[in-house]
Amino acid sequence: VQNLKASVSYGALKGLWPIVIVILGAIFSYNVMQATKALDILRDILASISEDKRIQVLLISWCFGGFIEAAAGYGTAVA
């Protein structure tokens, strides 16, 4: 029973630790981009591509989501 508790605790920590690191990396990247006004620059660039708000939403959700995922280290934007 003692070994079971230790194994479950070890497995839970080993499984959750990479997820916590990725989330902290994403939050840190977002805060740095917000502090350096990089988000405003990206918004202006995406706004200059198309005047249609629907196209802008698609671009932001597709490109920016992939950028944040890749910058946080959890994966690469393959799509």
PDB file of N, CA and C in Angstrom:
ATOM      1  N   VAL A   1       0.833  -1.190   0.000  1.00  0.00           N
ATOM      2  CA  VAL A   1       0.000   0.000   0.000  1.00  0.00           C
ATOM      3  C   VAL A   1       0.877   1.253   0.000  1.00  0.00           C
ATOM      4  N   GLN A   2       1.922   1.246   0.781  1.00  0.00           N
ATOM      5  CA  GLN A   2       2.819   2.402   0.833  1.00  0.00           C
ATOM      6  C   GLN A   2       3.498   2.609  -0.521  1.00  0.00           C
ATOM      7  N   ASN A   3       3.907   1.512  -1.144  1.00  0.00           N
ATOM      8  CA  ASN A   3       4.559   1.592  -2.442  1.00  0.00           C
ATOM      9  C   ASN A   3       3.585   2.101  -3.506  1.00  0.00           C
ATOM     10  N   LEU A   4       2.315   1.724  -3.389  1.00  0.00           N
ATOM     11  CA  LEU A   4       1.297   2.177  -4.329  1.00  0.00           C
ATOM     12  C   LEU A   4       1.110   3.689  -4.236  1.00  0.00           C
ATOM     13  N   LYS A   5       1.040   4.220  -3.035  1.00  0.00           N
ATOM     14  CA  LYS A   5       0.883   5.666  -2.848  1.00  0.00           C
ATOM     15  C   LYS A   5       2.078   6.427  -3.411  1.00  0.00           C
ATOM     16  N   ALA A   6       3.257   5.912  -3.170  1.00  0.00           N
ATOM     17  CA  ALA A   6       4.461   6.566  -3.688  1.00  0.00           C
ATOM     18  C   ALA A   6       4.490   6.521  -5.207  1.00  0.00           C
ATOM     19  N   SER A   7       4.068   5.410  -5.788  1.00  0.00           N
ATOM     20  CA  SER A   7       4.063   5.278  -7.245  1.00  0.00           C
ATOM     21  C   SER A   7       3.043   6.212  -7.886  1.00  0.00           C
ATOM     22  N   VAL A   8       1.874   6.306  -7.280  1.00  0.00           N
ATOM     23  CA  VAL A   8       0.840   7.200  -7.810  1.00  0.00           C
ATOM     24  C   VAL A   8       1.296   8.649  -7.712  1.00  0.00           C
ATOM     25  N   SER A   9       1.874   9.027  -6.599  1.00  0.00           N
ATOM     26  CA  SER A   9       2.369  10.397  -6.431  1.00  0.00           C
ATOM     27  C   SER A   9       3.472  10.707  -7.433  1.00  0.00           C
ATOM     28  N   TYR A  10       4.393   9.785  -7.592  1.00  0.00           N
ATOM     29  CA  TYR A  10       5.495   9.977  -8.542  1.00  0.00           C
ATOM     30  C   TYR A  10       4.960  10.109  -9.966  1.00  0.00           C
ATOM     31  N   GLY A  11       4.029   9.247 -10.345  1.00  0.00           N
ATOM     32  CA  GLY A  11       3.459   9.305 -11.692  1.00  0.00           C
ATOM     33  C   GLY A  11       2.698  10.594 -11.946  1.00  0.00           C
ATOM     34  N   ALA A  12       1.952  11.042 -10.950  1.00  0.00           N
ATOM     35  CA  ALA A  12       1.196  12.288 -11.105  1.00  0.00           C
ATOM     36  C   ALA A  12       2.131  13.477 -11.267  1.00  0.00           C
ATOM     37  N   LEU A  13       3.162  13.537 -10.436  1.00  0.00           N
ATOM     38  CA  LEU A  13       4.113  14.649 -10.546  1.00  0.00           C
ATOM     39  C   LEU A  13       4.893  14.595 -11.853  1.00  0.00           C
ATOM     40  N   LYS A  14       5.292  13.408 -12.255  1.00  0.00           N
ATOM     41  CA  LYS A  14       6.045  13.255 -13.495  1.00  0.00           C
ATOM     42  C   LYS A  14       5.184  13.623 -14.705  1.00  0.00           C
ATOM     43  N   GLY A  15       3.900  13.356 -14.639  1.00  0.00           N
ATOM     44  CA  GLY A  15       3.001  13.695 -15.732  1.00  0.00           C
ATOM     45  C   GLY A  15       2.613  15.162 -15.765  1.00  0.00           C
ATOM     46  N   LEU A  16       2.452  15.769 -14.613  1.00  0.00           N
ATOM     47  CA  LEU A  16       2.006  17.159 -14.550  1.00  0.00           C
ATOM     48  C   LEU A  16       3.139  18.165 -14.709  1.00  0.00           C
ATOM     49  N   TRP A  17       4.350  17.786 -14.353  1.00  0.00           N
ATOM     50  CA  TRP A  17       5.467  18.727 -14.386  1.00  0.00           C
ATOM     51  C   TRP A  17       5.706  19.322 -15.775  1.00  0.00           C
ATOM     52  N   PRO A  18       5.761  18.538 -16.861  1.00  0.00           N
ATOM     53  CA  PRO A  18       5.965  19.150 -18.182  1.00  0.00           C
ATOM     54  C   PRO A  18       4.834  20.099 -18.576  1.00  0.00           C
ATOM     55  N   ILE A  19       3.618  19.773 -18.178  1.00  0.00           N
ATOM     56  CA  ILE A  19       2.484  20.638 -18.500  1.00  0.00           C
ATOM     57  C   ILE A  19       2.613  21.965 -17.762  1.00  0.00           C
ATOM     58  N   VAL A  20       3.006  21.923 -16.505  1.00  0.00           N
ATOM     59  CA  VAL A  20       3.186  23.147 -15.716  1.00  0.00           C
ATOM     60  C   VAL A  20       4.294  24.009 -16.320  1.00  0.00           C
ATOM     61  N   ILE A  21       5.387  23.391 -16.740  1.00  0.00           N
ATOM     62  CA  ILE A  21       6.491  24.140 -17.348  1.00  0.00           C
ATOM     63  C   ILE A  21       6.037  24.822 -18.632  1.00  0.00           C
ATOM     64  N   VAL A  22       5.259  24.131 -19.454  1.00  0.00           N
ATOM     65  CA  VAL A  22       4.772  24.718 -20.704  1.00  0.00           C
ATOM     66  C   VAL A  22       3.844  25.888 -20.416  1.00  0.00           C
ATOM     67  N   ILE A  23       2.953  25.732 -19.453  1.00  0.00           N
ATOM     68  CA  ILE A  23       2.027  26.816 -19.115  1.00  0.00           C
ATOM     69  C   ILE A  23       2.787  28.024 -18.576  1.00  0.00           C
ATOM     70  N   LEU A  24       3.758  27.799 -17.713  1.00  0.00           N
ATOM     71  CA  LEU A  24       4.558  28.912 -17.193  1.00  0.00           C
ATOM     72  C   LEU A  24       5.349  29.591 -18.310  1.00  0.00           C
ATOM     73  N   GLY A  25       5.882  28.815 -19.243  1.00  0.00           N
ATOM     74  CA  GLY A  25       6.595  29.393 -20.385  1.00  0.00           C
ATOM     75  C   GLY A  25       5.685  30.233 -21.257  1.00  0.00           C
ATOM     76  N   ALA A  26       4.465  29.763 -21.482  1.00  0.00           N
ATOM     77  CA  ALA A  26       3.507  30.523 -22.287  1.00  0.00           C
ATOM     78  C   ALA A  26       3.108  31.820 -21.591  1.00  0.00           C
ATOM     79  N   ILE A  27       2.889  31.767 -20.293  1.00  0.00           N
ATOM     80  CA  ILE A  27       2.536  32.975 -19.540  1.00  0.00           C
ATOM     81  C   ILE A  27       3.695  33.966 -19.558  1.00  0.00           C
ATOM     82  N   PHE A  28       4.908  33.473 -19.374  1.00  0.00           N
ATOM     83  CA  PHE A  28       6.084  34.340 -19.411  1.00  0.00           C
ATOM     84  C   PHE A  28       6.236  34.992 -20.785  1.00  0.00           C
ATOM     85  N   SER A  29       6.085  34.204 -21.854  1.00  0.00           N
ATOM     86  CA  SER A  29       6.202  34.753 -23.210  1.00  0.00           C
ATOM     87  C   SER A  29       5.135  35.811 -23.467  1.00  0.00           C
ATOM     88  N   TYR A  30       3.918  35.535 -23.035  1.00  0.00           N
ATOM     89  CA  TYR A  30       2.834  36.490 -23.215  1.00  0.00           C
ATOM     90  C   TYR A  30       3.119  37.792 -22.470  1.00  0.00           C
ATOM     91  N   ASN A  31       3.589  37.689 -21.232  1.00  0.00           N
ATOM     92  CA  ASN A  31       3.887  38.891 -20.450  1.00  0.00           C
ATOM     93  C   ASN A  31       5.031  39.694 -21.058  1.00  0.00           C
ATOM     94  N   VAL A  32       6.050  39.014 -21.575  1.00  0.00           N
ATOM     95  CA  VAL A  32       7.155  39.716 -22.228  1.00  0.00           C
ATOM     96  C   VAL A  32       6.658  40.423 -23.484  1.00  0.00           C
ATOM     97  N   MET A  33       5.837  39.734 -24.269  1.00  0.00           N
ATOM     98  CA  MET A  33       5.308  40.354 -25.487  1.00  0.00           C
ATOM     99  C   MET A  33       4.399  41.527 -25.159  1.00  0.00           C
ATOM    100  N   GLN A  34       3.668  41.424 -24.081  1.00  0.00           N
ATOM    101  CA  GLN A  34       2.797  42.521 -23.678  1.00  0.00           C
ATOM    102  C   GLN A  34       3.616  43.710 -23.173  1.00  0.00           C
ATOM    103  N   ALA A  35       4.672  43.452 -22.430  1.00  0.00           N
ATOM    104  CA  ALA A  35       5.496  44.529 -21.882  1.00  0.00           C
ATOM    105  C   ALA A  35       6.290  45.245 -22.967  1.00  0.00           C
ATOM    106  N   THR A  36       6.700  44.535 -24.001  1.00  0.00           N
ATOM    107  CA  THR A  36       7.490  45.141 -25.074  1.00  0.00           C
ATOM    108  C   THR A  36       6.619  45.666 -26.210  1.00  0.00           C
ATOM    109  N   LYS A  37       5.321  45.615 -26.048  1.00  0.00           N
ATOM    110  CA  LYS A  37       4.357  46.083 -27.052  1.00  0.00           C
ATOM    111  C   LYS A  37       4.428  45.275 -28.349  1.00  0.00           C
ATOM    112  N   ALA A  38       4.958  44.058 -28.281  1.00  0.00           N
ATOM    113  CA  ALA A  38       5.021  43.206 -29.468  1.00  0.00           C
ATOM    114  C   ALA A  38       3.627  42.763 -29.902  1.00  0.00           C
ATOM    115  N   LEU A  39       2.703  42.635 -28.962  1.00  0.00           N
ATOM    116  CA  LEU A  39       1.339  42.260 -29.319  1.00  0.00           C
ATOM    117  C   LEU A  39       0.672  43.343 -30.152  1.00  0.00           C
ATOM    118  N   ASP A  40       0.947  44.603 -29.834  1.00  0.00           N
ATOM    119  CA  ASP A  40       0.389  45.698 -30.627  1.00  0.00           C
ATOM    120  C   ASP A  40       0.936  45.677 -32.050  1.00  0.00           C
ATOM    121  N   ILE A  41       2.217  45.388 -32.183  1.00  0.00           N
ATOM    122  CA  ILE A  41       2.829  45.317 -33.509  1.00  0.00           C
ATOM    123  C   ILE A  41       2.219  44.172 -34.308  1.00  0.00           C
ATOM    124  N   LEU A  42       2.068  43.018 -33.672  1.00  0.00           N
ATOM    125  CA  LEU A  42       1.447  41.884 -34.357  1.00  0.00           C
ATOM    126  C   LEU A  42       0.006  42.188 -34.748  1.00  0.00           C
ATOM    127  N   ARG A  43      -0.726  42.857 -33.869  1.00  0.00           N
ATOM    128  CA  ARG A  43      -2.107  43.211 -34.187  1.00  0.00           C
ATOM    129  C   ARG A  43      -2.163  44.158 -35.379  1.00  0.00           C
ATOM    130  N   ASP A  44      -1.260  45.133 -35.435  1.00  0.00           N
ATOM    131  CA  ASP A  44      -1.229  46.059 -36.562  1.00  0.00           C
ATOM    132  C   ASP A  44      -0.872  45.355 -37.866  1.00  0.00           C
ATOM    133  N   ILE A  45       0.062  44.415 -37.788  1.00  0.00           N
ATOM    134  CA  ILE A  45       0.443  43.672 -38.990  1.00  0.00           C
ATOM    135  C   ILE A  45      -0.733  42.841 -39.491  1.00  0.00           C
ATOM    136  N   LEU A  46      -1.402  42.144 -38.588  1.00  0.00           N
ATOM    137  CA  LEU A  46      -2.539  41.329 -39.000  1.00  0.00           C
ATOM    138  C   LEU A  46      -3.704  42.189 -39.484  1.00  0.00           C
ATOM    139  N   ALA A  47      -3.885  43.357 -38.902  1.00  0.00           N
ATOM    140  CA  ALA A  47      -4.963  44.246 -39.333  1.00  0.00           C
ATOM    141  C   ALA A  47      -4.691  44.816 -40.714  1.00  0.00           C
ATOM    142  N   SER A  48      -3.421  44.979 -41.065  1.00  0.00           N
ATOM    143  CA  SER A  48      -3.098  45.536 -42.380  1.00  0.00           C
ATOM    144  C   SER A  48      -3.248  44.511 -43.497  1.00  0.00           C
ATOM    145  N   ILE A  49      -3.335  43.240 -43.160  1.00  0.00           N
ATOM    146  CA  ILE A  49      -3.465  42.206 -44.191  1.00  0.00           C
ATOM    147  C   ILE A  49      -4.856  42.217 -44.799  1.00  0.00           C
ATOM    148  N   SER A  50      -5.883  42.372 -43.978  1.00  0.00           N
ATOM    149  CA  SER A  50      -7.252  42.335 -44.477  1.00  0.00           C
ATOM    150  C   SER A  50      -8.122  43.273 -43.653  1.00  0.00           C
ATOM    151  N   GLU A  51      -9.081  43.891 -44.314  1.00  0.00           N
ATOM    152  CA  GLU A  51     -10.038  44.760 -43.627  1.00  0.00           C
ATOM    153  C   GLU A  51     -11.226  43.962 -43.086  1.00  0.00           C
ATOM    154  N   ASP A  52     -11.424  42.753 -43.595  1.00  0.00           N
ATOM    155  CA  ASP A  52     -12.541  41.908 -43.177  1.00  0.00           C
ATOM    156  C   ASP A  52     -12.258  41.322 -41.792  1.00  0.00           C
ATOM    157  N   LYS A  53     -13.155  41.588 -40.852  1.00  0.00           N
ATOM    158  CA  LYS A  53     -12.960  41.128 -39.473  1.00  0.00           C
ATOM    159  C   LYS A  53     -12.962  39.600 -39.376  1.00  0.00           C
ATOM    160  N   ARG A  54     -13.733  38.927 -40.227  1.00  0.00           N
ATOM    161  CA  ARG A  54     -13.770  37.463 -40.181  1.00  0.00           C
ATOM    162  C   ARG A  54     -12.434  36.863 -40.577  1.00  0.00           C
ATOM    163  N   ILE A  55     -11.803  37.441 -41.589  1.00  0.00           N
ATOM    164  CA  ILE A  55     -10.486  36.966 -42.012  1.00  0.00           C
ATOM    165  C   ILE A  55      -9.456  37.253 -40.918  1.00  0.00           C
ATOM    166  N   GLN A  56      -9.563  38.391 -40.279  1.00  0.00           N
ATOM    167  CA  GLN A  56      -8.639  38.726 -39.192  1.00  0.00           C
ATOM    168  C   GLN A  56      -8.764  37.735 -38.038  1.00  0.00           C
ATOM    169  N   VAL A  57      -9.989  37.354 -37.700  1.00  0.00           N
ATOM    170  CA  VAL A  57     -10.192  36.381 -36.623  1.00  0.00           C
ATOM    171  C   VAL A  57      -9.559  35.047 -36.992  1.00  0.00           C
ATOM    172  N   LEU A  58      -9.736  34.620 -38.230  1.00  0.00           N
ATOM    173  CA  LEU A  58      -9.123  33.364 -38.666  1.00  0.00           C
ATOM    174  C   LEU A  58      -7.603  33.449 -38.629  1.00  0.00           C
ATOM    175  N   LEU A  59      -7.046  34.558 -39.083  1.00  0.00           N
ATOM    176  CA  LEU A  59      -5.593  34.715 -39.064  1.00  0.00           C
ATOM    177  C   LEU A  59      -5.044  34.719 -37.643  1.00  0.00           C
ATOM    178  N   ILE A  60      -5.719  35.436 -36.765  1.00  0.00           N
ATOM    179  CA  ILE A  60      -5.246  35.513 -35.383  1.00  0.00           C
ATOM    180  C   ILE A  60      -5.332  34.144 -34.715  1.00  0.00           C
ATOM    181  N   SER A  61      -6.454  33.476 -34.887  1.00  0.00           N
ATOM    182  CA  SER A  61      -6.605  32.181 -34.210  1.00  0.00           C
ATOM    183  C   SER A  61      -5.672  31.128 -34.786  1.00  0.00           C
ATOM    184  N   TRP A  62      -5.410  31.166 -36.062  1.00  0.00           N
ATOM    185  CA  TRP A  62      -4.566  30.151 -36.683  1.00  0.00           C
ATOM    186  C   TRP A  62      -3.081  30.464 -36.494  1.00  0.00           C
ATOM    187  N   CYS A  63      -2.675  31.652 -36.882  1.00  0.00           N
ATOM    188  CA  CYS A  63      -1.250  32.007 -36.838  1.00  0.00           C
ATOM    189  C   CYS A  63      -0.770  32.283 -35.419  1.00  0.00           C
ATOM    190  N   PHE A  64      -1.497  33.084 -34.691  1.00  0.00           N
ATOM    191  CA  PHE A  64      -1.034  33.486 -33.370  1.00  0.00           C
ATOM    192  C   PHE A  64      -1.082  32.323 -32.389  1.00  0.00           C
ATOM    193  N   GLY A  65      -2.094  31.492 -32.498  1.00  0.00           N
ATOM    194  CA  GLY A  65      -2.161  30.314 -31.634  1.00  0.00           C
ATOM    195  C   GLY A  65      -0.986  29.383 -31.865  1.00  0.00           C
ATOM    196  N   GLY A  66      -0.637  29.172 -33.122  1.00  0.00           N
ATOM    197  CA  GLY A  66       0.531  28.353 -33.441  1.00  0.00           C
ATOM    198  C   GLY A  66       1.822  28.987 -32.979  1.00  0.00           C
ATOM    199  N   PHE A  67       1.899  30.307 -33.086  1.00  0.00           N
ATOM    200  CA  PHE A  67       3.103  31.009 -32.633  1.00  0.00           C
ATOM    201  C   PHE A  67       3.305  30.855 -31.131  1.00  0.00           C
ATOM    202  N   ILE A  68       2.244  31.048 -30.366  1.00  0.00           N
ATOM    203  CA  ILE A  68       2.346  30.916 -28.916  1.00  0.00           C
ATOM    204  C   ILE A  68       2.697  29.479 -28.536  1.00  0.00           C
ATOM    205  N   GLU A  69       2.090  28.513 -29.228  1.00  0.00           N
ATOM    206  CA  GLU A  69       2.385  27.112 -28.926  1.00  0.00           C
ATOM    207  C   GLU A  69       3.847  26.788 -29.205  1.00  0.00           C
ATOM    208  N   ALA A  70       4.350  27.249 -30.328  1.00  0.00           N
ATOM    209  CA  ALA A  70       5.747  26.971 -30.672  1.00  0.00           C
ATOM    210  C   ALA A  70       6.704  27.728 -29.759  1.00  0.00           C
ATOM    211  N   ALA A  71       6.377  28.963 -29.424  1.00  0.00           N
ATOM    212  CA  ALA A  71       7.260  29.752 -28.563  1.00  0.00           C
ATOM    213  C   ALA A  71       7.297  29.195 -27.145  1.00  0.00           C
ATOM    214  N   ALA A  72       6.198  28.605 -26.711  1.00  0.00           N
ATOM    215  CA  ALA A  72       6.157  28.042 -25.365  1.00  0.00           C
ATOM    216  C   ALA A  72       6.911  26.721 -25.282  1.00  0.00           C
ATOM    217  N   GLY A  73       7.191  26.113 -26.415  1.00  0.00           N
ATOM    218  CA  GLY A  73       7.980  24.893 -26.418  1.00  0.00           C
ATOM    219  C   GLY A  73       7.180  23.617 -26.410  1.00  0.00           C
ATOM    220  N   TYR A  74       5.882  23.703 -26.556  1.00  0.00           N
ATOM    221  CA  TYR A  74       5.071  22.495 -26.486  1.00  0.00           C
ATOM    222  C   TYR A  74       4.955  21.794 -27.832  1.00  0.00           C
ATOM    223  N   GLY A  75       5.252  22.480 -28.885  1.00  0.00           N
ATOM    224  CA  GLY A  75       5.146  21.858 -30.198  1.00  0.00           C
ATOM    225  C   GLY A  75       5.550  22.842 -31.262  1.00  0.00           C
ATOM    226  N   THR A  76       5.413  22.432 -32.485  1.00  0.00           N
ATOM    227  CA  THR A  76       5.697  23.324 -33.594  1.00  0.00           C
ATOM    228  C   THR A  76       4.430  23.494 -34.407  1.00  0.00           C
ATOM    229  N   ALA A  77       4.290  24.637 -34.989  1.00  0.00           N
ATOM    230  CA  ALA A  77       3.122  24.914 -35.812  1.00  0.00           C
ATOM    231  C   ALA A  77       3.320  24.254 -37.171  1.00  0.00           C
ATOM    232  N   VAL A  78       2.671  23.137 -37.391  1.00  0.00           N
ATOM    233  CA  VAL A  78       2.861  22.372 -38.614  1.00  0.00           C
ATOM    234  C   VAL A  78       1.777  22.700 -39.625  1.00  0.00           C
ATOM    235  N   ALA A  79       0.619  23.097 -39.167  1.00  0.00           N
ATOM    236  CA  ALA A  79      -0.512  23.339 -40.057  1.00  0.00           C
ATOM    237  C   ALA A  79      -0.180  24.461 -40.990  1.00  0.00           C
TER     238      ALA A  79
END
